Amino acid sequence: MEKLFSYGTLQLEQVQLDTFGRLLEGQTDTLQGYVVGEVEITDAAVLKSSGQRFHPALIKTGLATDTVTGTIFIITEQELDNADNYEVDDYIRVEELFSTGSSAWVYVAKD
């Protein structure tokens, strides 16, 4: 099983149904050293699923005072592949450590 932190559209029910074929359950957690920016989405399938032209995107600051709260979901390796396919090229997936001591994958802004 894999852990995936979501702070944006992967928390939306329709996106979860479209991406994973089910609704996910998770635990709230906080990531330090990041702020939320945004990315303009042009991918038609992603736009249809989320209904949002702009998606949040994490930007690393390295400052402990910058925090982002979201949800850590437990998913399968196949579901992680599905999430990789959902996220557009403006994101990269990295592994980070969260305030509860858990490590999880998270999609952050590429630039």
C-alpha atoms as a PDB file:
ATOM      1  CA  MET A   1       0.000   0.000   0.000  1.00  0.00           C
ATOM      2  CA  GLU A   2       1.032   3.597  -0.618  1.00  0.00           C
ATOM      3  CA  LYS A   3       0.363   6.846   1.230  1.00  0.00           C
ATOM      4  CA  LEU A   4      -0.641   9.925  -0.774  1.00  0.00           C
ATOM      5  CA  PHE A   5      -1.119  13.423   0.653  1.00  0.00           C
ATOM      6  CA  SER A   6      -3.819  15.524  -0.961  1.00  0.00           C
ATOM      7  CA  TYR A   7      -4.313  19.231  -0.402  1.00  0.00           C
ATOM      8  CA  GLY A   8      -6.384  19.971  -3.502  1.00  0.00           C
ATOM      9  CA  THR A   9      -8.595  18.394  -6.128  1.00  0.00           C
ATOM     10  CA  LEU A  10      -7.792  14.773  -5.209  1.00  0.00           C
ATOM     11  CA  GLN A  11      -9.978  15.437  -2.158  1.00  0.00           C
ATOM     12  CA  LEU A  12     -13.025  16.049  -4.399  1.00  0.00           C
ATOM     13  CA  GLU A  13     -15.489  13.160  -4.576  1.00  0.00           C
ATOM     14  CA  GLN A  14     -15.903  13.322  -8.366  1.00  0.00           C
ATOM     15  CA  VAL A  15     -12.138  13.365  -8.920  1.00  0.00           C
ATOM     16  CA  GLN A  16     -11.730  10.342  -6.614  1.00  0.00           C
ATOM     17  CA  LEU A  17     -14.467   8.432  -8.440  1.00  0.00           C
ATOM     18  CA  ASP A  18     -12.990   9.301 -11.852  1.00  0.00           C
ATOM     19  CA  THR A  19      -9.390   8.591 -10.810  1.00  0.00           C
ATOM     20  CA  PHE A  20      -9.705   5.669  -8.389  1.00  0.00           C
ATOM     21  CA  GLY A  21     -13.206   4.296  -9.002  1.00  0.00           C
ATOM     22  CA  ARG A  22     -14.032   4.756  -5.317  1.00  0.00           C
ATOM     23  CA  LEU A  23     -14.130   7.304  -2.524  1.00  0.00           C
ATOM     24  CA  LEU A  24     -10.990   7.401  -0.395  1.00  0.00           C
ATOM     25  CA  GLU A  25     -10.704   7.609   3.363  1.00  0.00           C
ATOM     26  CA  GLY A  26      -7.808   9.313   5.063  1.00  0.00           C
ATOM     27  CA  GLN A  27      -6.343  11.168   8.001  1.00  0.00           C
ATOM     28  CA  THR A  28      -5.703  14.887   8.285  1.00  0.00           C
ATOM     29  CA  ASP A  29      -2.033  15.845   8.415  1.00  0.00           C
ATOM     30  CA  THR A  30       0.163  18.904   7.933  1.00  0.00           C
ATOM     31  CA  LEU A  31       3.202  19.468   5.741  1.00  0.00           C
ATOM     32  CA  GLN A  32       5.767  22.080   6.776  1.00  0.00           C
ATOM     33  CA  GLY A  33       7.953  24.105   4.459  1.00  0.00           C
ATOM     34  CA  TYR A  34       5.451  24.667   1.656  1.00  0.00           C
ATOM     35  CA  VAL A  35       2.882  27.246   0.561  1.00  0.00           C
ATOM     36  CA  VAL A  36       0.012  26.789  -1.882  1.00  0.00           C
ATOM     37  CA  GLY A  37       0.257  28.400  -5.299  1.00  0.00           C
ATOM     38  CA  GLU A  38      -1.732  27.476  -8.397  1.00  0.00           C
ATOM     39  CA  VAL A  39      -1.402  25.894 -11.808  1.00  0.00           C
ATOM     40  CA  GLU A  40      -3.630  26.558 -14.808  1.00  0.00           C
ATOM     41  CA  ILE A  41      -5.094  23.304 -16.124  1.00  0.00           C
ATOM     42  CA  THR A  42      -5.536  22.785 -19.860  1.00  0.00           C
ATOM     43  CA  ASP A  43      -5.991  18.983 -19.946  1.00  0.00           C
ATOM     44  CA  ALA A  44      -9.616  18.370 -20.971  1.00  0.00           C
ATOM     45  CA  ALA A  45     -10.099  15.197 -18.895  1.00  0.00           C
ATOM     46  CA  VAL A  46      -8.719  16.833 -15.746  1.00  0.00           C
ATOM     47  CA  LEU A  47     -10.867  19.937 -16.332  1.00  0.00           C
ATOM     48  CA  LYS A  48     -13.952  17.781 -16.759  1.00  0.00           C
ATOM     49  CA  SER A  49     -13.267  15.771 -13.603  1.00  0.00           C
ATOM     50  CA  SER A  50     -12.380  18.674 -11.296  1.00  0.00           C
ATOM     51  CA  GLY A  51     -14.494  21.401 -12.861  1.00  0.00           C
ATOM     52  CA  GLN A  52     -11.693  23.828 -12.002  1.00  0.00           C
ATOM     53  CA  ARG A  53      -9.426  25.729 -14.389  1.00  0.00           C
ATOM     54  CA  PHE A  54      -6.871  26.480 -11.673  1.00  0.00           C
ATOM     55  CA  HIS A  55      -5.584  23.794  -9.298  1.00  0.00           C
ATOM     56  CA  PRO A  56      -3.546  24.332  -6.143  1.00  0.00           C
ATOM     57  CA  ALA A  57       0.154  23.496  -6.387  1.00  0.00           C
ATOM     58  CA  LEU A  58       2.627  23.308  -3.531  1.00  0.00           C
ATOM     59  CA  ILE A  59       5.725  25.503  -3.685  1.00  0.00           C
ATOM     60  CA  LYS A  60       8.631  24.603  -1.417  1.00  0.00           C
ATOM     61  CA  THR A  61       9.876  27.418   0.819  1.00  0.00           C
ATOM     62  CA  GLY A  62      11.748  25.381   3.418  1.00  0.00           C
ATOM     63  CA  LEU A  63      10.338  27.623   6.161  1.00  0.00           C
ATOM     64  CA  ALA A  64       8.898  25.807   9.197  1.00  0.00           C
ATOM     65  CA  THR A  65       6.311  28.579   9.542  1.00  0.00           C
ATOM     66  CA  ASP A  66       4.832  27.727   6.114  1.00  0.00           C
ATOM     67  CA  THR A  67       2.369  24.845   6.454  1.00  0.00           C
ATOM     68  CA  VAL A  68      -0.255  23.136   4.338  1.00  0.00           C
ATOM     69  CA  THR A  69      -3.008  20.965   5.795  1.00  0.00           C
ATOM     70  CA  GLY A  70      -4.573  18.136   3.812  1.00  0.00           C
ATOM     71  CA  THR A  71      -5.372  14.454   3.931  1.00  0.00           C
ATOM     72  CA  ILE A  72      -3.152  11.375   3.740  1.00  0.00           C
ATOM     73  CA  PHE A  73      -4.918   8.581   1.864  1.00  0.00           C
ATOM     74  CA  ILE A  74      -3.905   4.912   1.840  1.00  0.00           C
ATOM     75  CA  ILE A  75      -4.054   3.684  -1.759  1.00  0.00           C
ATOM     76  CA  THR A  76      -2.782   0.814  -3.873  1.00  0.00           C
ATOM     77  CA  GLU A  77       0.201   1.002  -6.245  1.00  0.00           C
ATOM     78  CA  GLN A  78      -2.255   0.927  -9.175  1.00  0.00           C
ATOM     79  CA  GLU A  79      -4.180   3.838  -7.662  1.00  0.00           C
ATOM     80  CA  LEU A  80      -0.898   5.754  -7.295  1.00  0.00           C
ATOM     81  CA  ASP A  81      -0.294   5.150 -11.015  1.00  0.00           C
ATOM     82  CA  ASN A  82      -3.820   6.476 -11.655  1.00  0.00           C
ATOM     83  CA  ALA A  83      -2.998   9.596  -9.610  1.00  0.00           C
ATOM     84  CA  ASP A  84       0.201  10.055 -11.651  1.00  0.00           C
ATOM     85  CA  ASN A  85      -1.917   9.967 -14.808  1.00  0.00           C
ATOM     86  CA  TYR A  86      -4.413  12.480 -13.371  1.00  0.00           C
ATOM     87  CA  GLU A  87      -1.780  15.028 -12.374  1.00  0.00           C
ATOM     88  CA  VAL A  88      -0.603  17.220 -15.255  1.00  0.00           C
ATOM     89  CA  ASP A  89       3.026  17.773 -16.269  1.00  0.00           C
ATOM     90  CA  ASP A  90       3.281  20.897 -14.081  1.00  0.00           C
ATOM     91  CA  TYR A  91       3.541  18.631 -11.009  1.00  0.00           C
ATOM     92  CA  ILE A  92       6.135  16.180  -9.757  1.00  0.00           C
ATOM     93  CA  ARG A  93       5.583  13.533  -7.091  1.00  0.00           C
ATOM     94  CA  VAL A  94       7.959  13.628  -4.113  1.00  0.00           C
ATOM     95  CA  GLU A  95       8.033  11.864  -0.758  1.00  0.00           C
ATOM     96  CA  GLU A  96       7.858  14.097   2.311  1.00  0.00           C
ATOM     97  CA  LEU A  97       7.634  13.745   6.090  1.00  0.00           C
ATOM     98  CA  PHE A  98       4.501  15.094   7.798  1.00  0.00           C
ATOM     99  CA  SER A  99       3.766  16.530  11.246  1.00  0.00           C
ATOM    100  CA  THR A 100       2.437  13.192  12.567  1.00  0.00           C
ATOM    101  CA  GLY A 101       5.702  11.487  11.613  1.00  0.00           C
ATOM    102  CA  SER A 102       4.199   9.745   8.567  1.00  0.00           C
ATOM    103  CA  SER A 103       5.903   9.887   5.212  1.00  0.00           C
ATOM    104  CA  ALA A 104       3.763  10.081   2.093  1.00  0.00           C
ATOM    105  CA  TRP A 105       3.876  10.966  -1.575  1.00  0.00           C
ATOM    106  CA  VAL A 106       2.760  14.478  -2.500  1.00  0.00           C
ATOM    107  CA  TYR A 107       2.436  16.316  -5.816  1.00  0.00           C
ATOM    108  CA  VAL A 108       4.274  19.648  -5.843  1.00  0.00           C
ATOM    109  CA  ALA A 109       4.834  22.339  -8.454  1.00  0.00           C
ATOM    110  CA  LYS A 110       7.565  21.304 -10.889  1.00  0.00           C
ATOM    111  CA  ASP A 111       9.203  24.738 -11.105  1.00  0.00           C
END
